[in-house]
Amino acid sequence: MDGTPVILKTCALSDEFEHGLAALRIFNGQGIARLLEFDEEQKVMLLERLQPGTMLASLVPEHDEQATSILATVMRQLWRPAPTEHTFPTVEHLGQGLQQLRAHYAGGYGPFPRRLVDEAMDLFASLSTSAPQTMLLHGDLQHYNILSSRDAWLAIDPKGVVGDPGYEVGASFYNPMPCILEVPDLKQMLVRRIAQLSEELGMERARIRGWALAQSVLNAWWTVKLNMYPPHGILRCAEILARLNY
């Protein structure tokens, strides 16, 4: 090596490694940390180490408008037309996680409000089928996966997902967790994020709100499924989004 600071990343899950590696190769250092070397058999990647590496989450809530603009900029840099042939998971496939929620609770809803789950399932179906374009997305682009690097902000840890670009926007509406829950007027913040992202990405507000709600409910389910932490914080964001009309 030539003294370039690096990060060594390993992954025990074959599909996750494969999709992340494929996404990094396609993004090719545009809006994201560079892939330097890799070993597919050993499931190891050598990546550019971003310095100083400050997380975008550090700007919230004091500089949330700036942080939201940075998110939009990184999204525009990353998105690519989906490859004709690929093995990436699709947005539609990810949405099936909400059917797993229903099955997990024997056809019920457990701690999840029924109206939120039903609307989220409907939104996954309607927004996916009405997508204006299909793109390769990061798949988990939020405030903890964007770091500072000299005079730029770059993404890390792509999952690699194919589908409506609106899906990518959704994760920013329940992040950075848990500090977003300490904002005095969370509704005002979420409404402003919708308006700002709509303007900067040229995307309809209703579409952004829809994906934000659908993603919030899905991610809340994932926190339960993976036994990470209670879903109540993310569901609070979902409740606010459900009451917005566009």
C-alpha atoms as a PDB file:
ATOM      1  CA  MET A   1       0.000   0.000   0.000  1.00  0.00           C
ATOM      2  CA  ASP A   2       1.045   3.627  -0.437  1.00  0.00           C
ATOM      3  CA  GLY A   3       0.132   4.835   3.051  1.00  0.00           C
ATOM      4  CA  THR A   4      -3.520   5.470   2.203  1.00  0.00           C
ATOM      5  CA  PRO A   5      -5.668   5.045   5.354  1.00  0.00           C
ATOM      6  CA  VAL A   6      -7.902   1.993   4.912  1.00  0.00           C
ATOM      7  CA  ILE A   7     -10.688   0.030   6.560  1.00  0.00           C
ATOM      8  CA  LEU A   8     -10.883  -3.766   6.490  1.00  0.00           C
ATOM      9  CA  LYS A   9     -14.466  -4.995   6.301  1.00  0.00           C
ATOM     10  CA  THR A  10     -15.615  -8.573   6.659  1.00  0.00           C
ATOM     11  CA  CYS A  11     -19.096 -10.043   6.368  1.00  0.00           C
ATOM     12  CA  ALA A  12     -20.345 -13.449   7.470  1.00  0.00           C
ATOM     13  CA  LEU A  13     -23.506 -13.249   5.350  1.00  0.00           C
ATOM     14  CA  SER A  14     -22.835 -14.311   1.759  1.00  0.00           C
ATOM     15  CA  ASP A  15     -25.701 -12.377   0.126  1.00  0.00           C
ATOM     16  CA  GLU A  16     -24.986  -9.191   2.078  1.00  0.00           C
ATOM     17  CA  PHE A  17     -21.321  -9.291   1.083  1.00  0.00           C
ATOM     18  CA  GLU A  18     -22.145 -10.037  -2.563  1.00  0.00           C
ATOM     19  CA  HIS A  19     -24.679  -7.210  -2.868  1.00  0.00           C
ATOM     20  CA  GLY A  20     -22.539  -4.688  -1.014  1.00  0.00           C
ATOM     21  CA  LEU A  21     -19.501  -5.512  -3.133  1.00  0.00           C
ATOM     22  CA  ALA A  22     -21.457  -5.307  -6.383  1.00  0.00           C
ATOM     23  CA  ALA A  23     -22.912  -1.935  -5.371  1.00  0.00           C
ATOM     24  CA  LEU A  24     -19.480  -0.552  -4.475  1.00  0.00           C
ATOM     25  CA  ARG A  25     -18.085  -1.629  -7.827  1.00  0.00           C
ATOM     26  CA  ILE A  26     -20.913   0.069  -9.715  1.00  0.00           C
ATOM     27  CA  PHE A  27     -20.830   3.274  -7.625  1.00  0.00           C
ATOM     28  CA  ASN A  28     -17.061   3.363  -8.249  1.00  0.00           C
ATOM     29  CA  GLY A  29     -16.190   5.947  -5.608  1.00  0.00           C
ATOM     30  CA  GLN A  30     -18.815   8.473  -6.720  1.00  0.00           C
ATOM     31  CA  GLY A  31     -20.474   9.748  -3.546  1.00  0.00           C
ATOM     32  CA  ILE A  32     -19.130   6.801  -1.554  1.00  0.00           C
ATOM     33  CA  ALA A  33     -15.917   5.499   0.025  1.00  0.00           C
ATOM     34  CA  ARG A  34     -13.725   3.820  -2.582  1.00  0.00           C
ATOM     35  CA  LEU A  35     -13.354   0.073  -2.820  1.00  0.00           C
ATOM     36  CA  LEU A  36      -9.610  -0.629  -3.017  1.00  0.00           C
ATOM     37  CA  GLU A  37      -9.316  -4.418  -2.976  1.00  0.00           C
ATOM     38  CA  PHE A  38     -11.498  -7.417  -2.203  1.00  0.00           C
ATOM     39  CA  ASP A  39     -11.438 -11.174  -1.780  1.00  0.00           C
ATOM     40  CA  GLU A  40     -14.773 -12.754  -2.653  1.00  0.00           C
ATOM     41  CA  GLU A  41     -13.834 -16.168  -1.304  1.00  0.00           C
ATOM     42  CA  GLN A  42     -12.788 -14.824   2.112  1.00  0.00           C
ATOM     43  CA  LYS A  43     -15.564 -12.186   2.081  1.00  0.00           C
ATOM     44  CA  VAL A  44     -13.161  -9.355   2.833  1.00  0.00           C
ATOM     45  CA  MET A  45     -13.038  -5.812   1.433  1.00  0.00           C
ATOM     46  CA  LEU A  46     -10.362  -3.164   1.763  1.00  0.00           C
ATOM     47  CA  LEU A  47     -11.989   0.267   1.706  1.00  0.00           C
ATOM     48  CA  GLU A  48     -10.898   3.878   1.758  1.00  0.00           C
ATOM     49  CA  ARG A  49     -10.922   5.204   5.327  1.00  0.00           C
ATOM     50  CA  LEU A  50     -12.805   8.494   5.397  1.00  0.00           C
ATOM     51  CA  GLN A  51     -11.095  11.219   7.435  1.00  0.00           C
ATOM     52  CA  PRO A  52     -11.949  12.974   9.665  1.00  0.00           C
ATOM     53  CA  GLY A  53     -14.952  10.629   9.441  1.00  0.00           C
ATOM     54  CA  THR A  54     -17.462  12.758  11.316  1.00  0.00           C
ATOM     55  CA  MET A  55     -20.956  11.274  11.054  1.00  0.00           C
ATOM     56  CA  LEU A  56     -23.691  13.336   9.427  1.00  0.00           C
ATOM     57  CA  ALA A  57     -25.743  12.598  12.544  1.00  0.00           C
ATOM     58  CA  SER A  58     -23.573  15.133  14.391  1.00  0.00           C
ATOM     59  CA  LEU A  59     -25.322  17.977  12.521  1.00  0.00           C
ATOM     60  CA  VAL A  60     -28.779  17.060  13.856  1.00  0.00           C
ATOM     61  CA  PRO A  61     -30.809  18.772  15.173  1.00  0.00           C
ATOM     62  CA  GLU A  62     -28.916  22.088  15.215  1.00  0.00           C
ATOM     63  CA  HIS A  63     -28.098  22.014  11.480  1.00  0.00           C
ATOM     64  CA  ASP A  64     -30.793  19.680  10.193  1.00  0.00           C
ATOM     65  CA  GLU A  65     -31.440  21.669   7.023  1.00  0.00           C
ATOM     66  CA  GLN A  66     -27.768  21.390   6.074  1.00  0.00           C
ATOM     67  CA  ALA A  67     -27.752  17.678   6.897  1.00  0.00           C
ATOM     68  CA  THR A  68     -30.828  17.098   4.731  1.00  0.00           C
ATOM     69  CA  SER A  69     -29.201  18.907   1.819  1.00  0.00           C
ATOM     70  CA  ILE A  70     -26.108  16.716   2.187  1.00  0.00           C
ATOM     71  CA  LEU A  71     -28.313  13.615   2.128  1.00  0.00           C
ATOM     72  CA  ALA A  72     -29.922  14.788  -1.113  1.00  0.00           C
ATOM     73  CA  THR A  73     -26.527  15.537  -2.671  1.00  0.00           C
ATOM     74  CA  VAL A  74     -25.149  12.082  -1.850  1.00  0.00           C
ATOM     75  CA  MET A  75     -28.317  10.442  -3.221  1.00  0.00           C
ATOM     76  CA  ARG A  76     -27.941  12.239  -6.538  1.00  0.00           C
ATOM     77  CA  GLN A  77     -24.283  11.192  -6.751  1.00  0.00           C
ATOM     78  CA  LEU A  78     -25.002   7.532  -6.028  1.00  0.00           C
ATOM     79  CA  TRP A  79     -28.105   6.607  -7.990  1.00  0.00           C
ATOM     80  CA  ARG A  80     -27.524   4.669 -11.194  1.00  0.00           C
ATOM     81  CA  PRO A  81     -29.913   3.001 -13.651  1.00  0.00           C
ATOM     82  CA  ALA A  82     -30.458  -0.553 -12.466  1.00  0.00           C
ATOM     83  CA  PRO A  83     -28.332  -3.137 -14.314  1.00  0.00           C
ATOM     84  CA  THR A  84     -30.268  -5.183 -16.870  1.00  0.00           C
ATOM     85  CA  GLU A  85     -29.270  -8.382 -15.077  1.00  0.00           C
ATOM     86  CA  HIS A  86     -28.555  -8.400 -11.353  1.00  0.00           C
ATOM     87  CA  THR A  87     -29.054 -10.284  -8.094  1.00  0.00           C
ATOM     88  CA  PHE A  88     -29.760  -7.242  -5.922  1.00  0.00           C
ATOM     89  CA  PRO A  89     -32.846  -7.425  -3.690  1.00  0.00           C
ATOM     90  CA  THR A  90     -35.707  -5.279  -4.944  1.00  0.00           C
ATOM     91  CA  VAL A  91     -37.768  -2.767  -3.045  1.00  0.00           C
ATOM     92  CA  GLU A  92     -40.839  -4.936  -3.659  1.00  0.00           C
ATOM     93  CA  HIS A  93     -39.066  -7.914  -2.067  1.00  0.00           C
ATOM     94  CA  LEU A  94     -38.100  -5.894   0.994  1.00  0.00           C
ATOM     95  CA  GLY A  95     -41.705  -4.813   1.414  1.00  0.00           C
ATOM     96  CA  GLN A  96     -42.667  -8.447   1.912  1.00  0.00           C
ATOM     97  CA  GLY A  97     -41.160  -8.095   5.371  1.00  0.00           C
ATOM     98  CA  LEU A  98     -44.468  -6.619   6.458  1.00  0.00           C
ATOM     99  CA  GLN A  99     -46.173  -9.872   5.497  1.00  0.00           C
ATOM    100  CA  GLN A 100     -43.679 -11.601   7.780  1.00  0.00           C
ATOM    101  CA  LEU A 101     -44.832  -9.257  10.540  1.00  0.00           C
ATOM    102  CA  ARG A 102     -48.412 -10.469  10.103  1.00  0.00           C
ATOM    103  CA  ALA A 103     -47.304 -14.094  10.048  1.00  0.00           C
ATOM    104  CA  HIS A 104     -45.160 -13.595  13.157  1.00  0.00           C
ATOM    105  CA  TYR A 105     -48.196 -12.410  15.086  1.00  0.00           C
ATOM    106  CA  ALA A 106     -50.416 -15.226  13.740  1.00  0.00           C
ATOM    107  CA  GLY A 107     -52.262 -12.887  11.399  1.00  0.00           C
ATOM    108  CA  GLY A 108     -52.393 -10.076  13.956  1.00  0.00           C
ATOM    109  CA  TYR A 109     -50.323  -6.969  14.494  1.00  0.00           C
ATOM    110  CA  GLY A 110     -48.681  -7.384  17.906  1.00  0.00           C
ATOM    111  CA  PRO A 111     -47.472  -4.001  19.235  1.00  0.00           C
ATOM    112  CA  PHE A 112     -47.903  -2.361  15.807  1.00  0.00           C
ATOM    113  CA  PRO A 113     -50.953  -0.175  15.156  1.00  0.00           C
ATOM    114  CA  ARG A 114     -53.076  -1.927  12.551  1.00  0.00           C
ATOM    115  CA  ARG A 115     -53.718   1.215  10.512  1.00  0.00           C
ATOM    116  CA  LEU A 116     -49.976   1.886  10.162  1.00  0.00           C
ATOM    117  CA  VAL A 117     -49.130  -1.628   9.015  1.00  0.00           C
ATOM    118  CA  ASP A 118     -52.031  -1.749   6.550  1.00  0.00           C
ATOM    119  CA  GLU A 119     -51.144   1.636   5.068  1.00  0.00           C
ATOM    120  CA  ALA A 120     -47.464   0.721   4.850  1.00  0.00           C
ATOM    121  CA  MET A 121     -48.300  -2.493   2.977  1.00  0.00           C
ATOM    122  CA  ASP A 122     -50.528  -0.589   0.568  1.00  0.00           C
ATOM    123  CA  LEU A 123     -47.834   2.037   0.027  1.00  0.00           C
ATOM    124  CA  PHE A 124     -45.144  -0.521  -0.775  1.00  0.00           C
ATOM    125  CA  ALA A 125     -47.394  -1.976  -3.456  1.00  0.00           C
ATOM    126  CA  SER A 126     -48.678   1.264  -4.975  1.00  0.00           C
ATOM    127  CA  LEU A 127     -45.417   3.215  -4.889  1.00  0.00           C
ATOM    128  CA  SER A 128     -43.412   0.331  -6.320  1.00  0.00           C
ATOM    129  CA  THR A 129     -45.757  -0.204  -9.260  1.00  0.00           C
ATOM    130  CA  SER A 130     -45.953   3.533  -9.993  1.00  0.00           C
ATOM    131  CA  ALA A 131     -42.188   4.144  -9.794  1.00  0.00           C
ATOM    132  CA  PRO A 132     -41.146   6.662 -12.480  1.00  0.00           C
ATOM    133  CA  GLN A 133     -37.798   4.884 -12.833  1.00  0.00           C
ATOM    134  CA  THR A 134     -35.893   1.924 -11.425  1.00  0.00           C
ATOM    135  CA  MET A 135     -32.477   2.674  -9.978  1.00  0.00           C
ATOM    136  CA  LEU A 136     -29.656   1.031  -8.069  1.00  0.00           C
ATOM    137  CA  LEU A 137     -29.849   2.491  -4.556  1.00  0.00           C
ATOM    138  CA  HIS A 138     -27.597   2.465  -1.514  1.00  0.00           C
ATOM    139  CA  GLY A 139     -30.362   0.744   0.446  1.00  0.00           C
ATOM    140  CA  ASP A 140     -29.679   2.210   3.906  1.00  0.00           C
ATOM    141  CA  LEU A 141     -28.725   5.814   3.322  1.00  0.00           C
ATOM    142  CA  GLN A 142     -29.173   7.697   6.570  1.00  0.00           C
ATOM    143  CA  HIS A 143     -27.263   9.941   8.961  1.00  0.00           C
ATOM    144  CA  TYR A 144     -24.987   7.220  10.383  1.00  0.00           C
ATOM    145  CA  ASN A 145     -23.897   6.006   6.945  1.00  0.00           C
ATOM    146  CA  ILE A 146     -22.597   9.331   5.632  1.00  0.00           C
ATOM    147  CA  LEU A 147     -19.206  10.541   6.886  1.00  0.00           C
ATOM    148  CA  SER A 148     -17.061  13.602   6.281  1.00  0.00           C
ATOM    149  CA  SER A 149     -13.980  13.237   4.117  1.00  0.00           C
ATOM    150  CA  ARG A 150     -11.832  16.300   3.660  1.00  0.00           C
ATOM    151  CA  ASP A 151     -14.068  18.686   1.680  1.00  0.00           C
ATOM    152  CA  ALA A 152     -16.898  16.212   0.949  1.00  0.00           C
ATOM    153  CA  TRP A 153     -19.462  13.966   2.596  1.00  0.00           C
ATOM    154  CA  LEU A 154     -19.442  10.358   1.404  1.00  0.00           C
ATOM    155  CA  ALA A 155     -21.571   7.276   2.019  1.00  0.00           C
ATOM    156  CA  ILE A 156     -20.391   3.999   3.518  1.00  0.00           C
ATOM    157  CA  ASP A 157     -21.824   0.480   3.878  1.00  0.00           C
ATOM    158  CA  PRO A 158     -24.148   0.160   0.868  1.00  0.00           C
ATOM    159  CA  LYS A 159     -26.642  -2.695   0.917  1.00  0.00           C
ATOM    160  CA  GLY A 160     -27.448  -2.553  -2.804  1.00  0.00           C
ATOM    161  CA  VAL A 161     -31.171  -2.371  -3.541  1.00  0.00           C
ATOM    162  CA  VAL A 162     -33.013  -1.906  -6.851  1.00  0.00           C
ATOM    163  CA  GLY A 163     -36.259   0.054  -7.138  1.00  0.00           C
ATOM    164  CA  ASP A 164     -37.972   3.411  -6.852  1.00  0.00           C
ATOM    165  CA  PRO A 165     -35.510   6.141  -5.750  1.00  0.00           C
ATOM    166  CA  GLY A 166     -38.197   7.342  -3.338  1.00  0.00           C
ATOM    167  CA  TYR A 167     -37.502   4.286  -1.205  1.00  0.00           C
ATOM    168  CA  GLU A 168     -34.007   5.655  -0.495  1.00  0.00           C
ATOM    169  CA  VAL A 169     -35.440   8.830   1.014  1.00  0.00           C
ATOM    170  CA  GLY A 170     -37.498   6.987   3.613  1.00  0.00           C
ATOM    171  CA  ALA A 171     -34.697   6.113   6.045  1.00  0.00           C
ATOM    172  CA  SER A 172     -33.942   9.773   6.742  1.00  0.00           C
ATOM    173  CA  PHE A 173     -37.327  10.225   8.418  1.00  0.00           C
ATOM    174  CA  TYR A 174     -36.607   8.086  11.478  1.00  0.00           C
ATOM    175  CA  ASN A 175     -32.939   9.014  11.771  1.00  0.00           C
ATOM    176  CA  PRO A 176     -30.722   9.806  13.453  1.00  0.00           C
ATOM    177  CA  MET A 177     -32.274   7.594  16.115  1.00  0.00           C
ATOM    178  CA  PRO A 178     -32.658   8.125  19.047  1.00  0.00           C
ATOM    179  CA  CYS A 179     -31.676  11.805  19.112  1.00  0.00           C
ATOM    180  CA  ILE A 180     -34.394  12.714  16.594  1.00  0.00           C
ATOM    181  CA  LEU A 181     -36.949  11.940  19.311  1.00  0.00           C
ATOM    182  CA  GLU A 182     -35.533  14.746  21.457  1.00  0.00           C
ATOM    183  CA  VAL A 183     -36.484  17.438  18.911  1.00  0.00           C
ATOM    184  CA  PRO A 184     -39.057  19.803  20.520  1.00  0.00           C
ATOM    185  CA  ASP A 185     -41.301  19.863  17.419  1.00  0.00           C
ATOM    186  CA  LEU A 186     -40.683  16.628  15.538  1.00  0.00           C
ATOM    187  CA  LYS A 187     -43.651  17.148  13.225  1.00  0.00           C
ATOM    188  CA  GLN A 188     -42.273  20.489  12.062  1.00  0.00           C
ATOM    189  CA  MET A 189     -38.886  18.892  11.347  1.00  0.00           C
ATOM    190  CA  LEU A 190     -40.388  16.039   9.321  1.00  0.00           C
ATOM    191  CA  VAL A 191     -42.632  18.391   7.336  1.00  0.00           C
ATOM    192  CA  ARG A 192     -39.646  20.573   6.500  1.00  0.00           C
ATOM    193  CA  ARG A 193     -37.588  17.564   5.445  1.00  0.00           C
ATOM    194  CA  ILE A 194     -40.352  16.514   3.055  1.00  0.00           C
ATOM    195  CA  ALA A 195     -40.505  19.979   1.503  1.00  0.00           C
ATOM    196  CA  GLN A 196     -36.728  20.289   1.229  1.00  0.00           C
ATOM    197  CA  LEU A 197     -36.147  16.834  -0.251  1.00  0.00           C
ATOM    198  CA  SER A 198     -39.014  17.382  -2.678  1.00  0.00           C
ATOM    199  CA  GLU A 199     -37.364  20.548  -3.955  1.00  0.00           C
ATOM    200  CA  GLU A 200     -33.800  19.213  -4.060  1.00  0.00           C
ATOM    201  CA  LEU A 201     -34.637  15.836  -5.603  1.00  0.00           C
ATOM    202  CA  GLY A 202     -37.522  16.914  -7.837  1.00  0.00           C
ATOM    203  CA  MET A 203     -39.788  14.347  -6.207  1.00  0.00           C
ATOM    204  CA  GLU A 204     -43.448  14.740  -5.252  1.00  0.00           C
ATOM    205  CA  ARG A 205     -44.090  15.443  -1.589  1.00  0.00           C
ATOM    206  CA  ALA A 206     -46.790  12.776  -1.433  1.00  0.00           C
ATOM    207  CA  ARG A 207     -44.310  10.187  -2.710  1.00  0.00           C
ATOM    208  CA  ILE A 208     -41.688  11.176  -0.149  1.00  0.00           C
ATOM    209  CA  ARG A 209     -44.216  11.087   2.675  1.00  0.00           C
ATOM    210  CA  GLY A 210     -45.465   7.687   1.491  1.00  0.00           C
ATOM    211  CA  TRP A 211     -42.036   6.075   1.380  1.00  0.00           C
ATOM    212  CA  ALA A 212     -41.113   7.677   4.695  1.00  0.00           C
ATOM    213  CA  LEU A 213     -44.137   6.073   6.347  1.00  0.00           C
ATOM    214  CA  ALA A 214     -43.692   2.696   4.647  1.00  0.00           C
ATOM    215  CA  GLN A 215     -39.988   2.556   5.522  1.00  0.00           C
ATOM    216  CA  SER A 216     -40.591   3.633   9.115  1.00  0.00           C
ATOM    217  CA  VAL A 217     -43.034   0.789   9.729  1.00  0.00           C
ATOM    218  CA  LEU A 218     -40.817  -1.757   7.977  1.00  0.00           C
ATOM    219  CA  ASN A 219     -37.736  -0.691   9.929  1.00  0.00           C
ATOM    220  CA  ALA A 220     -39.670  -0.776  13.193  1.00  0.00           C
ATOM    221  CA  TRP A 221     -40.535  -4.398  12.383  1.00  0.00           C
ATOM    222  CA  TRP A 222     -36.877  -5.172  11.643  1.00  0.00           C
ATOM    223  CA  THR A 223     -35.864  -3.871  15.074  1.00  0.00           C
ATOM    224  CA  VAL A 224     -38.286  -6.355  16.626  1.00  0.00           C
ATOM    225  CA  LYS A 225     -37.302  -9.226  14.326  1.00  0.00           C
ATOM    226  CA  LEU A 226     -33.596  -8.728  15.037  1.00  0.00           C
ATOM    227  CA  ASN A 227     -34.198  -8.032  18.746  1.00  0.00           C
ATOM    228  CA  MET A 228     -32.361  -4.714  18.470  1.00  0.00           C
ATOM    229  CA  TYR A 229     -34.511  -2.301  20.470  1.00  0.00           C
ATOM    230  CA  PRO A 230     -38.210  -1.507  20.999  1.00  0.00           C
ATOM    231  CA  PRO A 231     -39.989  -0.131  17.905  1.00  0.00           C
ATOM    232  CA  HIS A 232     -41.793   2.685  19.710  1.00  0.00           C
ATOM    233  CA  GLY A 233     -39.419   5.492  18.704  1.00  0.00           C
ATOM    234  CA  ILE A 234     -39.622   4.732  14.992  1.00  0.00           C
ATOM    235  CA  LEU A 235     -43.371   4.200  15.236  1.00  0.00           C
ATOM    236  CA  ARG A 236     -43.679   7.688  16.729  1.00  0.00           C
ATOM    237  CA  CYS A 237     -42.232   9.057  13.482  1.00  0.00           C
ATOM    238  CA  ALA A 238     -44.610   6.849  11.512  1.00  0.00           C
ATOM    239  CA  GLU A 239     -47.605   8.143  13.472  1.00  0.00           C
ATOM    240  CA  ILE A 240     -46.690  11.731  12.616  1.00  0.00           C
ATOM    241  CA  LEU A 241     -46.217  10.891   8.941  1.00  0.00           C
ATOM    242  CA  ALA A 242     -49.556   9.059   8.848  1.00  0.00           C
ATOM    243  CA  ARG A 243     -51.365  12.236   9.904  1.00  0.00           C
ATOM    244  CA  LEU A 244     -49.871  14.370   7.129  1.00  0.00           C
ATOM    245  CA  ASN A 245     -51.943  15.026   4.025  1.00  0.00           C
ATOM    246  CA  TYR A 246     -50.406  15.631   0.590  1.00  0.00           C
END
